[in-house]
Amino acid sequence: MQITVGTQDGRTFQTEIEESAKLVGKEIGDEFDGGIVGLSGYTLKITGGSDRSGFPMRETIEGSERKRVLIEEGSGIDVSEDGVRERKSVRGKRVSSEIQQLNTTVVEEGSKSVEELLGEDEE
């Protein structure tokens, strides 16, 4: 699973983890120990993600399954007119083994910087 970490100053770093079982079952908005992704001393918050096929996670959808829903705005839709809704396939807010990328932000910083701990992986 690929983890994208957004810092307070707007920079993003990416890292890959093999042991994603510790994150399965968590939901968008949940916080977890950054030691899971190599950021010991940090607390990270899940802000979203996408599955192997690129379908985005949505906070308003319960569960972890892929569903086709009518949506008006937000992740997974680009509408130029007011009131237009589209039926799109999206993932629920719960992390499952089918999630390929997980987006996070830093809630509490550790003693070392993210750049020092994750290296030069900035995107």
N, C-alpha and C. Protein backbone atom coordinates (compact mmCIF):
# COMPACT_ATOMS: atom_id res chain seq x y z
N MET A 1 0.85 -1.17 0.00
CA MET A 1 0.00 0.00 0.00
C MET A 1 0.90 1.23 0.00
N GLN A 2 0.52 2.20 -0.81
CA GLN A 2 1.26 3.45 -0.89
C GLN A 2 0.61 4.46 0.04
N ILE A 3 1.43 5.12 0.85
CA ILE A 3 0.94 6.11 1.80
C ILE A 3 1.48 7.47 1.38
N THR A 4 0.58 8.44 1.22
CA THR A 4 0.96 9.82 0.93
C THR A 4 0.77 10.63 2.20
N VAL A 5 1.84 11.30 2.64
CA VAL A 5 1.82 12.07 3.88
C VAL A 5 1.91 13.55 3.54
N GLY A 6 0.88 14.31 3.91
CA GLY A 6 0.89 15.76 3.72
C GLY A 6 1.31 16.44 5.01
N THR A 7 2.24 17.37 4.90
CA THR A 7 2.74 18.06 6.09
C THR A 7 2.00 19.38 6.28
N GLN A 8 2.26 20.04 7.42
CA GLN A 8 1.61 21.30 7.76
C GLN A 8 1.97 22.42 6.76
N ASP A 9 3.17 22.36 6.19
CA ASP A 9 3.61 23.41 5.27
C ASP A 9 3.23 23.14 3.81
N GLY A 10 2.41 22.11 3.57
CA GLY A 10 1.91 21.84 2.22
C GLY A 10 2.73 20.88 1.40
N ARG A 11 3.81 20.36 1.93
CA ARG A 11 4.63 19.40 1.19
C ARG A 11 4.04 18.00 1.35
N THR A 12 4.27 17.16 0.35
CA THR A 12 3.80 15.78 0.42
C THR A 12 4.96 14.82 0.20
N PHE A 13 4.88 13.70 0.90
CA PHE A 13 5.88 12.66 0.79
C PHE A 13 5.17 11.33 0.60
N GLN A 14 5.79 10.44 -0.16
CA GLN A 14 5.18 9.13 -0.38
C GLN A 14 6.09 8.04 0.13
N THR A 15 5.47 7.00 0.68
CA THR A 15 6.21 5.85 1.14
C THR A 15 5.37 4.60 0.88
N GLU A 16 6.02 3.49 0.79
CA GLU A 16 5.35 2.21 0.54
C GLU A 16 5.46 1.36 1.80
N ILE A 17 4.35 0.70 2.18
CA ILE A 17 4.41 -0.21 3.31
C ILE A 17 3.91 -1.59 2.87
N GLU A 18 4.51 -2.60 3.41
CA GLU A 18 4.13 -3.98 3.09
C GLU A 18 3.03 -4.45 4.04
N GLU A 19 3.13 -4.08 5.30
CA GLU A 19 2.21 -4.55 6.35
C GLU A 19 1.04 -3.58 6.48
N SER A 20 0.05 -3.71 5.60
CA SER A 20 -1.09 -2.79 5.63
C SER A 20 -2.22 -3.30 6.52
N ALA A 21 -2.07 -4.48 7.11
CA ALA A 21 -3.13 -5.06 7.94
C ALA A 21 -3.45 -4.20 9.16
N LYS A 22 -2.48 -3.42 9.63
CA LYS A 22 -2.71 -2.57 10.80
C LYS A 22 -3.63 -1.41 10.48
N LEU A 23 -3.77 -1.06 9.21
CA LEU A 23 -4.62 0.05 8.81
C LEU A 23 -6.01 -0.40 8.35
N VAL A 24 -6.16 -1.70 8.04
CA VAL A 24 -7.45 -2.23 7.59
C VAL A 24 -8.48 -2.08 8.71
N GLY A 25 -9.63 -1.54 8.37
CA GLY A 25 -10.69 -1.32 9.34
C GLY A 25 -10.77 0.12 9.83
N LYS A 26 -9.71 0.89 9.64
CA LYS A 26 -9.76 2.31 10.02
C LYS A 26 -10.57 3.05 8.97
N GLU A 27 -11.08 4.25 9.32
CA GLU A 27 -11.92 5.02 8.43
C GLU A 27 -11.34 6.40 8.18
N ILE A 28 -11.86 7.07 7.16
CA ILE A 28 -11.45 8.45 6.89
C ILE A 28 -11.75 9.28 8.14
N GLY A 29 -10.78 10.05 8.59
CA GLY A 29 -10.93 10.86 9.79
C GLY A 29 -10.27 10.23 11.01
N ASP A 30 -9.96 8.92 10.95
CA ASP A 30 -9.29 8.26 12.07
C ASP A 30 -7.82 8.65 12.12
N GLU A 31 -7.28 8.68 13.32
CA GLU A 31 -5.86 8.97 13.51
C GLU A 31 -5.15 7.69 13.91
N PHE A 32 -3.86 7.57 13.51
CA PHE A 32 -3.08 6.38 13.85
C PHE A 32 -1.62 6.77 14.07
N ASP A 33 -0.89 5.87 14.71
CA ASP A 33 0.52 6.08 15.02
C ASP A 33 1.35 6.05 13.74
N GLY A 34 2.15 7.07 13.53
CA GLY A 34 2.98 7.15 12.33
C GLY A 34 4.08 6.12 12.26
N GLY A 35 4.36 5.43 13.36
CA GLY A 35 5.38 4.39 13.37
C GLY A 35 5.06 3.27 12.38
N ILE A 36 3.80 3.10 12.04
CA ILE A 36 3.38 2.07 11.08
C ILE A 36 4.00 2.35 9.71
N VAL A 37 4.17 3.62 9.37
CA VAL A 37 4.72 3.98 8.05
C VAL A 37 6.15 4.52 8.14
N GLY A 38 6.79 4.35 9.27
CA GLY A 38 8.17 4.79 9.43
C GLY A 38 8.32 6.19 9.98
N LEU A 39 7.27 6.75 10.55
CA LEU A 39 7.33 8.09 11.13
C LEU A 39 7.10 8.00 12.64
N SER A 40 8.06 7.42 13.33
CA SER A 40 7.90 7.26 14.77
C SER A 40 7.82 8.61 15.46
N GLY A 41 6.88 8.73 16.41
CA GLY A 41 6.65 9.98 17.11
C GLY A 41 5.59 10.85 16.46
N TYR A 42 5.14 10.48 15.28
CA TYR A 42 4.12 11.24 14.55
C TYR A 42 2.74 10.62 14.74
N THR A 43 1.71 11.44 14.62
CA THR A 43 0.33 10.97 14.56
C THR A 43 -0.22 11.43 13.22
N LEU A 44 -0.79 10.50 12.45
CA LEU A 44 -1.32 10.81 11.13
C LEU A 44 -2.83 10.64 11.10
N LYS A 45 -3.49 11.41 10.25
CA LYS A 45 -4.95 11.34 10.10
C LYS A 45 -5.26 10.93 8.66
N ILE A 46 -6.16 9.96 8.49
CA ILE A 46 -6.55 9.49 7.16
C ILE A 46 -7.50 10.51 6.54
N THR A 47 -7.16 10.98 5.33
CA THR A 47 -8.00 11.97 4.65
C THR A 47 -8.66 11.43 3.39
N GLY A 48 -8.26 10.25 2.93
CA GLY A 48 -8.85 9.68 1.73
C GLY A 48 -7.97 8.61 1.14
N GLY A 49 -8.23 8.25 -0.09
CA GLY A 49 -7.45 7.23 -0.76
C GLY A 49 -8.16 6.73 -2.00
N SER A 50 -7.59 5.70 -2.61
CA SER A 50 -8.21 5.11 -3.79
C SER A 50 -7.84 3.63 -3.86
N ASP A 51 -8.67 2.87 -4.60
CA ASP A 51 -8.41 1.43 -4.71
C ASP A 51 -7.52 1.14 -5.91
N ARG A 52 -7.31 -0.12 -6.20
CA ARG A 52 -6.40 -0.53 -7.27
C ARG A 52 -6.86 -0.05 -8.65
N SER A 53 -8.15 0.16 -8.82
CA SER A 53 -8.70 0.61 -10.10
C SER A 53 -8.81 2.13 -10.18
N GLY A 54 -8.44 2.83 -9.12
CA GLY A 54 -8.46 4.28 -9.11
C GLY A 54 -9.74 4.91 -8.59
N PHE A 55 -10.67 4.11 -8.08
CA PHE A 55 -11.91 4.67 -7.55
C PHE A 55 -11.64 5.29 -6.18
N PRO A 56 -12.05 6.55 -5.98
CA PRO A 56 -11.74 7.26 -4.74
C PRO A 56 -12.60 6.83 -3.57
N MET A 57 -12.06 6.98 -2.38
CA MET A 57 -12.83 6.76 -1.15
C MET A 57 -13.64 8.02 -0.89
N ARG A 58 -14.86 7.84 -0.33
CA ARG A 58 -15.70 8.99 0.04
C ARG A 58 -16.15 8.83 1.47
N GLU A 59 -16.05 9.92 2.21
CA GLU A 59 -16.38 9.91 3.63
C GLU A 59 -17.87 9.69 3.88
N THR A 60 -18.70 9.99 2.91
CA THR A 60 -20.15 9.87 3.09
C THR A 60 -20.69 8.47 2.84
N ILE A 61 -19.87 7.55 2.35
CA ILE A 61 -20.30 6.19 2.02
C ILE A 61 -19.82 5.24 3.12
N GLU A 62 -20.77 4.54 3.75
CA GLU A 62 -20.42 3.58 4.81
C GLU A 62 -19.78 2.33 4.21
N GLY A 63 -18.94 1.68 4.99
CA GLY A 63 -18.34 0.41 4.58
C GLY A 63 -17.08 0.58 3.76
N SER A 64 -16.64 -0.51 3.14
CA SER A 64 -15.42 -0.48 2.35
C SER A 64 -15.65 -0.92 0.91
N GLU A 65 -16.89 -1.25 0.56
CA GLU A 65 -17.19 -1.76 -0.78
C GLU A 65 -17.22 -0.63 -1.80
N ARG A 66 -17.14 -1.04 -3.06
CA ARG A 66 -17.33 -0.10 -4.16
C ARG A 66 -18.82 -0.03 -4.45
N LYS A 67 -19.34 1.19 -4.57
CA LYS A 67 -20.76 1.38 -4.83
C LYS A 67 -20.95 2.43 -5.92
N ARG A 68 -22.07 2.33 -6.63
CA ARG A 68 -22.44 3.35 -7.62
C ARG A 68 -23.48 4.24 -6.97
N VAL A 69 -23.14 5.52 -6.82
CA VAL A 69 -24.03 6.45 -6.13
C VAL A 69 -24.18 7.73 -6.95
N LEU A 70 -25.29 8.42 -6.71
CA LEU A 70 -25.50 9.74 -7.32
C LEU A 70 -24.80 10.77 -6.45
N ILE A 71 -23.86 11.50 -7.05
CA ILE A 71 -23.14 12.51 -6.28
C ILE A 71 -23.17 13.83 -7.03
N GLU A 72 -23.15 14.91 -6.26
CA GLU A 72 -23.27 16.25 -6.82
C GLU A 72 -21.93 16.97 -6.84
N GLU A 73 -21.07 16.67 -5.87
CA GLU A 73 -19.78 17.37 -5.78
C GLU A 73 -18.81 16.53 -4.98
N GLY A 74 -17.55 16.95 -4.98
CA GLY A 74 -16.53 16.29 -4.18
C GLY A 74 -15.66 15.34 -4.97
N SER A 75 -15.02 14.46 -4.26
CA SER A 75 -14.08 13.52 -4.84
C SER A 75 -14.77 12.59 -5.84
N GLY A 76 -14.20 12.50 -7.03
CA GLY A 76 -14.74 11.59 -8.03
C GLY A 76 -15.70 12.22 -9.02
N ILE A 77 -15.91 13.53 -8.96
CA ILE A 77 -16.86 14.18 -9.87
C ILE A 77 -16.36 15.56 -10.26
N ASP A 78 -16.63 15.94 -11.52
CA ASP A 78 -16.25 17.26 -12.02
C ASP A 78 -17.43 17.80 -12.83
N VAL A 79 -18.30 18.56 -12.18
CA VAL A 79 -19.51 19.10 -12.81
C VAL A 79 -19.38 20.61 -12.92
N SER A 80 -19.73 21.15 -14.09
CA SER A 80 -19.59 22.59 -14.30
C SER A 80 -20.88 23.37 -14.01
N GLU A 81 -22.03 22.69 -13.98
CA GLU A 81 -23.31 23.37 -13.75
C GLU A 81 -23.86 23.06 -12.37
N ASP A 82 -24.62 23.98 -11.80
CA ASP A 82 -25.25 23.76 -10.49
C ASP A 82 -26.39 22.76 -10.61
N GLY A 83 -26.54 21.91 -9.62
CA GLY A 83 -27.65 20.97 -9.56
C GLY A 83 -27.48 19.70 -10.37
N VAL A 84 -26.40 19.58 -11.12
CA VAL A 84 -26.18 18.38 -11.92
C VAL A 84 -25.56 17.30 -11.04
N ARG A 85 -26.14 16.11 -11.10
CA ARG A 85 -25.60 14.98 -10.36
C ARG A 85 -25.19 13.89 -11.34
N GLU A 86 -24.22 13.11 -10.96
CA GLU A 86 -23.76 12.01 -11.80
C GLU A 86 -23.70 10.74 -10.96
N ARG A 87 -23.95 9.62 -11.62
CA ARG A 87 -23.81 8.33 -10.95
C ARG A 87 -22.37 7.87 -11.17
N LYS A 88 -21.64 7.69 -10.09
CA LYS A 88 -20.23 7.32 -10.14
C LYS A 88 -19.96 6.15 -9.22
N SER A 89 -18.95 5.40 -9.55
CA SER A 89 -18.48 4.34 -8.67
C SER A 89 -17.46 4.93 -7.72
N VAL A 90 -17.65 4.71 -6.43
CA VAL A 90 -16.73 5.20 -5.40
C VAL A 90 -16.58 4.11 -4.33
N ARG A 91 -15.58 4.25 -3.51
CA ARG A 91 -15.33 3.34 -2.39
C ARG A 91 -15.89 3.94 -1.12
N GLY A 92 -16.21 3.09 -0.16
CA GLY A 92 -16.66 3.54 1.15
C GLY A 92 -15.50 4.13 1.94
N LYS A 93 -15.80 4.61 3.14
CA LYS A 93 -14.80 5.32 3.94
C LYS A 93 -13.89 4.42 4.76
N ARG A 94 -14.16 3.12 4.80
CA ARG A 94 -13.35 2.20 5.59
C ARG A 94 -12.21 1.61 4.76
N VAL A 95 -11.02 1.59 5.32
CA VAL A 95 -9.84 1.05 4.65
C VAL A 95 -9.96 -0.48 4.58
N SER A 96 -9.73 -1.03 3.40
CA SER A 96 -9.73 -2.48 3.22
C SER A 96 -8.44 -2.91 2.53
N SER A 97 -8.30 -4.19 2.31
CA SER A 97 -7.09 -4.70 1.65
C SER A 97 -7.05 -4.31 0.18
N GLU A 98 -8.15 -3.84 -0.37
CA GLU A 98 -8.20 -3.44 -1.78
C GLU A 98 -7.77 -1.99 -2.01
N ILE A 99 -7.52 -1.25 -0.94
CA ILE A 99 -7.07 0.13 -1.07
C ILE A 99 -5.59 0.12 -1.49
N GLN A 100 -5.29 0.84 -2.56
CA GLN A 100 -3.93 0.90 -3.10
C GLN A 100 -3.17 2.10 -2.55
N GLN A 101 -3.84 3.25 -2.45
CA GLN A 101 -3.19 4.47 -1.96
C GLN A 101 -4.01 5.06 -0.84
N LEU A 102 -3.33 5.48 0.21
CA LEU A 102 -3.98 6.09 1.36
C LEU A 102 -3.38 7.47 1.58
N ASN A 103 -4.23 8.49 1.62
CA ASN A 103 -3.78 9.86 1.82
C ASN A 103 -3.90 10.22 3.30
N THR A 104 -2.87 10.83 3.85
CA THR A 104 -2.86 11.20 5.26
C THR A 104 -2.29 12.60 5.43
N THR A 105 -2.57 13.19 6.59
CA THR A 105 -1.95 14.46 6.98
C THR A 105 -1.35 14.31 8.37
N VAL A 106 -0.36 15.13 8.66
CA VAL A 106 0.30 15.10 9.96
C VAL A 106 -0.56 15.86 10.96
N VAL A 107 -0.88 15.20 12.10
CA VAL A 107 -1.63 15.84 13.18
C VAL A 107 -0.67 16.29 14.27
N GLU A 108 0.24 15.38 14.68
CA GLU A 108 1.27 15.70 15.67
C GLU A 108 2.62 15.35 15.10
N GLU A 109 3.55 16.28 15.21
CA GLU A 109 4.89 16.06 14.68
C GLU A 109 5.80 15.42 15.71
N GLY A 110 6.76 14.65 15.20
CA GLY A 110 7.76 14.02 16.05
C GLY A 110 8.99 14.91 16.17
N SER A 111 10.06 14.34 16.72
CA SER A 111 11.28 15.11 16.93
C SER A 111 12.06 15.34 15.64
N LYS A 112 12.02 14.40 14.71
CA LYS A 112 12.70 14.56 13.43
C LYS A 112 11.69 14.98 12.37
N SER A 113 12.17 15.60 11.30
CA SER A 113 11.27 16.04 10.24
C SER A 113 10.87 14.84 9.36
N VAL A 114 9.76 15.00 8.65
CA VAL A 114 9.28 13.94 7.76
C VAL A 114 10.32 13.69 6.68
N GLU A 115 10.95 14.74 6.20
CA GLU A 115 11.97 14.63 5.16
C GLU A 115 13.15 13.76 5.61
N GLU A 116 13.55 13.92 6.88
CA GLU A 116 14.65 13.11 7.41
C GLU A 116 14.24 11.64 7.51
N LEU A 117 13.02 11.37 7.93
CA LEU A 117 12.59 10.00 8.16
C LEU A 117 12.22 9.27 6.88
N LEU A 118 11.62 9.95 5.91
CA LEU A 118 11.18 9.29 4.68
C LEU A 118 12.14 9.52 3.51
N GLY A 119 13.09 10.40 3.66
CA GLY A 119 14.04 10.65 2.59
C GLY A 119 13.51 11.66 1.60
N GLU A 120 14.07 11.63 0.40
CA GLU A 120 13.75 12.61 -0.66
C GLU A 120 12.61 12.12 -1.55
N ASP A 121 11.53 11.61 -0.96
CA ASP A 121 10.42 11.08 -1.74
C ASP A 121 9.38 12.14 -2.08
N GLU A 122 9.71 13.40 -1.96
CA GLU A 122 8.72 14.45 -2.16
C GLU A 122 8.19 14.42 -3.58
N GLU A 123 6.89 14.60 -3.71
CA GLU A 123 6.21 14.62 -5.02
C GLU A 123 5.95 16.03 -5.46
